[in-house]
Amino acid sequence: MSLLPPDLPRLRTLVTYLRGELSRTEQALAAAEELEAATTRQQPAPEPPAWLVERGIGVGRLPVRVHAGNCWDTRSRCTPADADQIRALLAQGTPACPHCRPDTALGVLE
């Protein structure tokens, strides 16, 4: 038993409807493929620095505090640094952030 109508006018109507649905489906497929291609083209976010130096305001912009790279209490005046630079700053007396404790993470004890 066929689910299709037996007469010509209804079959033509059904073909017209299905062509429209096919067109909409192909458009949706093309949009989904374009979105997937754009997603795969995106570059991953750069790795955050492991250590940060917070600098002061003014002419010399001296270091005022050192942070771990994932610290939530960093300001816009932070610049990336490596572990040796952070150790040297801590040895010179630059305070460590009390939240992320880079001195403890690096094994530098006062």
C-alpha atoms as a PDB file:
ATOM      1  CA  MET A   1       0.000   0.000   0.000  1.00  0.00           C
ATOM      2  CA  SER A   2       1.470   3.338  -1.077  1.00  0.00           C
ATOM      3  CA  LEU A   3       1.254   6.480   1.052  1.00  0.00           C
ATOM      4  CA  LEU A   4       1.356   8.672  -2.041  1.00  0.00           C
ATOM      5  CA  PRO A   5      -1.831  10.028  -3.548  1.00  0.00           C
ATOM      6  CA  PRO A   6      -2.923   8.359  -6.798  1.00  0.00           C
ATOM      7  CA  ASP A   7      -3.971  11.460  -8.739  1.00  0.00           C
ATOM      8  CA  LEU A   8      -1.717  13.737 -10.803  1.00  0.00           C
ATOM      9  CA  PRO A   9      -2.529  17.173  -9.225  1.00  0.00           C
ATOM     10  CA  ARG A  10      -1.743  16.045  -5.681  1.00  0.00           C
ATOM     11  CA  LEU A  11       1.439  14.283  -6.821  1.00  0.00           C
ATOM     12  CA  ARG A  12       2.602  17.513  -8.523  1.00  0.00           C
ATOM     13  CA  THR A  13       1.816  19.476  -5.351  1.00  0.00           C
ATOM     14  CA  LEU A  14       3.795  16.998  -3.298  1.00  0.00           C
ATOM     15  CA  VAL A  15       6.796  17.214  -5.675  1.00  0.00           C
ATOM     16  CA  THR A  16       6.724  21.027  -5.483  1.00  0.00           C
ATOM     17  CA  TYR A  17       6.614  20.926  -1.678  1.00  0.00           C
ATOM     18  CA  LEU A  18       9.458  18.414  -1.462  1.00  0.00           C
ATOM     19  CA  ARG A  19      11.653  20.462  -3.841  1.00  0.00           C
ATOM     20  CA  GLY A  20      11.152  23.466  -1.539  1.00  0.00           C
ATOM     21  CA  GLU A  21      12.048  21.405   1.523  1.00  0.00           C
ATOM     22  CA  LEU A  22      15.125  20.037  -0.265  1.00  0.00           C
ATOM     23  CA  SER A  23      16.241  23.569  -1.122  1.00  0.00           C
ATOM     24  CA  ARG A  24      15.839  24.745   2.493  1.00  0.00           C
ATOM     25  CA  THR A  25      17.665  21.660   3.742  1.00  0.00           C
ATOM     26  CA  GLU A  26      20.562  22.223   1.337  1.00  0.00           C
ATOM     27  CA  GLN A  27      20.825  25.872   2.496  1.00  0.00           C
ATOM     28  CA  ALA A  28      20.890  24.776   6.135  1.00  0.00           C
ATOM     29  CA  LEU A  29      23.546  22.181   5.307  1.00  0.00           C
ATOM     30  CA  ALA A  30      25.703  24.774   3.526  1.00  0.00           C
ATOM     31  CA  ALA A  31      25.403  27.164   6.497  1.00  0.00           C
ATOM     32  CA  ALA A  32      26.355  24.401   8.957  1.00  0.00           C
ATOM     33  CA  GLU A  33      29.358  23.389   6.837  1.00  0.00           C
ATOM     34  CA  GLU A  34      30.492  27.025   6.606  1.00  0.00           C
ATOM     35  CA  LEU A  35      30.211  27.438  10.380  1.00  0.00           C
ATOM     36  CA  GLU A  36      32.214  24.262  10.973  1.00  0.00           C
ATOM     37  CA  ALA A  37      34.899  25.384   8.526  1.00  0.00           C
ATOM     38  CA  ALA A  38      35.128  28.784  10.237  1.00  0.00           C
ATOM     39  CA  THR A  39      35.419  27.119  13.638  1.00  0.00           C
ATOM     40  CA  THR A  40      38.266  24.874  12.508  1.00  0.00           C
ATOM     41  CA  ARG A  41      40.118  27.846  10.952  1.00  0.00           C
ATOM     42  CA  GLN A  42      40.211  29.768  14.234  1.00  0.00           C
ATOM     43  CA  GLN A  43      43.533  29.835  16.017  1.00  0.00           C
ATOM     44  CA  PRO A  44      43.584  28.675  19.625  1.00  0.00           C
ATOM     45  CA  ALA A  45      44.023  31.390  22.224  1.00  0.00           C
ATOM     46  CA  PRO A  46      47.638  32.073  23.123  1.00  0.00           C
ATOM     47  CA  GLU A  47      48.929  30.494  26.306  1.00  0.00           C
ATOM     48  CA  PRO A  48      48.859  32.997  29.194  1.00  0.00           C
ATOM     49  CA  PRO A  49      52.228  33.910  30.700  1.00  0.00           C
ATOM     50  CA  ALA A  50      53.345  31.893  33.713  1.00  0.00           C
ATOM     51  CA  TRP A  51      54.474  34.951  35.695  1.00  0.00           C
ATOM     52  CA  LEU A  52      53.552  38.654  35.717  1.00  0.00           C
ATOM     53  CA  VAL A  53      55.212  41.804  37.010  1.00  0.00           C
ATOM     54  CA  GLU A  54      52.853  44.561  38.102  1.00  0.00           C
ATOM     55  CA  ARG A  55      54.407  47.955  37.450  1.00  0.00           C
ATOM     56  CA  GLY A  56      53.658  51.253  39.142  1.00  0.00           C
ATOM     57  CA  ILE A  57      52.367  54.482  37.662  1.00  0.00           C
ATOM     58  CA  GLY A  58      54.761  57.186  36.591  1.00  0.00           C
ATOM     59  CA  VAL A  59      58.015  57.837  34.860  1.00  0.00           C
ATOM     60  CA  GLY A  60      60.103  54.881  36.050  1.00  0.00           C
ATOM     61  CA  ARG A  61      57.246  52.347  36.244  1.00  0.00           C
ATOM     62  CA  LEU A  62      59.077  50.316  38.849  1.00  0.00           C
ATOM     63  CA  PRO A  63      57.846  46.843  39.800  1.00  0.00           C
ATOM     64  CA  VAL A  64      55.387  47.031  42.695  1.00  0.00           C
ATOM     65  CA  ARG A  65      54.254  43.391  42.929  1.00  0.00           C
ATOM     66  CA  VAL A  66      54.767  40.010  41.252  1.00  0.00           C
ATOM     67  CA  HIS A  67      52.007  37.551  40.334  1.00  0.00           C
ATOM     68  CA  ALA A  68      51.486  34.057  38.998  1.00  0.00           C
ATOM     69  CA  GLY A  69      50.087  34.136  35.463  1.00  0.00           C
ATOM     70  CA  ASN A  70      46.642  32.860  36.479  1.00  0.00           C
ATOM     71  CA  CYS A  71      46.127  35.347  39.344  1.00  0.00           C
ATOM     72  CA  TRP A  72      42.729  37.017  39.513  1.00  0.00           C
ATOM     73  CA  ASP A  73      44.134  40.162  41.168  1.00  0.00           C
ATOM     74  CA  THR A  74      46.271  41.423  38.278  1.00  0.00           C
ATOM     75  CA  ARG A  75      45.921  44.930  36.906  1.00  0.00           C
ATOM     76  CA  SER A  76      46.347  46.360  33.422  1.00  0.00           C
ATOM     77  CA  ARG A  77      49.905  47.425  34.282  1.00  0.00           C
ATOM     78  CA  CYS A  78      51.214  43.835  34.292  1.00  0.00           C
ATOM     79  CA  THR A  79      53.874  42.559  31.929  1.00  0.00           C
ATOM     80  CA  PRO A  80      54.946  38.942  31.349  1.00  0.00           C
ATOM     81  CA  ALA A  81      58.150  37.686  32.966  1.00  0.00           C
ATOM     82  CA  ASP A  82      60.026  34.435  33.332  1.00  0.00           C
ATOM     83  CA  ALA A  83      60.685  32.589  36.580  1.00  0.00           C
ATOM     84  CA  ASP A  84      64.250  33.891  36.919  1.00  0.00           C
ATOM     85  CA  GLN A  85      63.084  37.505  36.640  1.00  0.00           C
ATOM     86  CA  ILE A  86      60.444  36.898  39.304  1.00  0.00           C
ATOM     87  CA  ARG A  87      63.003  35.279  41.625  1.00  0.00           C
ATOM     88  CA  ALA A  88      65.344  38.263  41.155  1.00  0.00           C
ATOM     89  CA  LEU A  89      62.559  40.756  41.892  1.00  0.00           C
ATOM     90  CA  LEU A  90      61.551  38.821  44.996  1.00  0.00           C
ATOM     91  CA  ALA A  91      65.187  38.786  46.138  1.00  0.00           C
ATOM     92  CA  GLN A  92      65.322  42.568  45.648  1.00  0.00           C
ATOM     93  CA  GLY A  93      62.327  42.982  47.941  1.00  0.00           C
ATOM     94  CA  THR A  94      59.439  43.343  45.486  1.00  0.00           C
ATOM     95  CA  PRO A  95      56.368  42.055  47.318  1.00  0.00           C
ATOM     96  CA  ALA A  96      54.573  38.928  46.150  1.00  0.00           C
ATOM     97  CA  CYS A  97      50.827  38.949  45.554  1.00  0.00           C
ATOM     98  CA  PRO A  98      49.120  37.689  48.721  1.00  0.00           C
ATOM     99  CA  HIS A  99      46.480  35.863  46.657  1.00  0.00           C
ATOM    100  CA  CYS A 100      48.469  33.779  44.157  1.00  0.00           C
ATOM    101  CA  ARG A 101      51.712  33.588  46.216  1.00  0.00           C
ATOM    102  CA  PRO A 102      54.312  33.313  43.421  1.00  0.00           C
ATOM    103  CA  ASP A 103      57.071  33.215  46.026  1.00  0.00           C
ATOM    104  CA  THR A 104      55.664  29.981  47.436  1.00  0.00           C
ATOM    105  CA  ALA A 105      55.152  28.499  43.961  1.00  0.00           C
ATOM    106  CA  LEU A 106      58.783  29.234  43.066  1.00  0.00           C
ATOM    107  CA  GLY A 107      60.123  28.027  46.405  1.00  0.00           C
ATOM    108  CA  VAL A 108      61.454  31.463  47.395  1.00  0.00           C
ATOM    109  CA  LEU A 109      61.100  31.897  51.122  1.00  0.00           C
ATOM    110  CA  GLU A 110      61.704  35.147  52.959  1.00  0.00           C
END
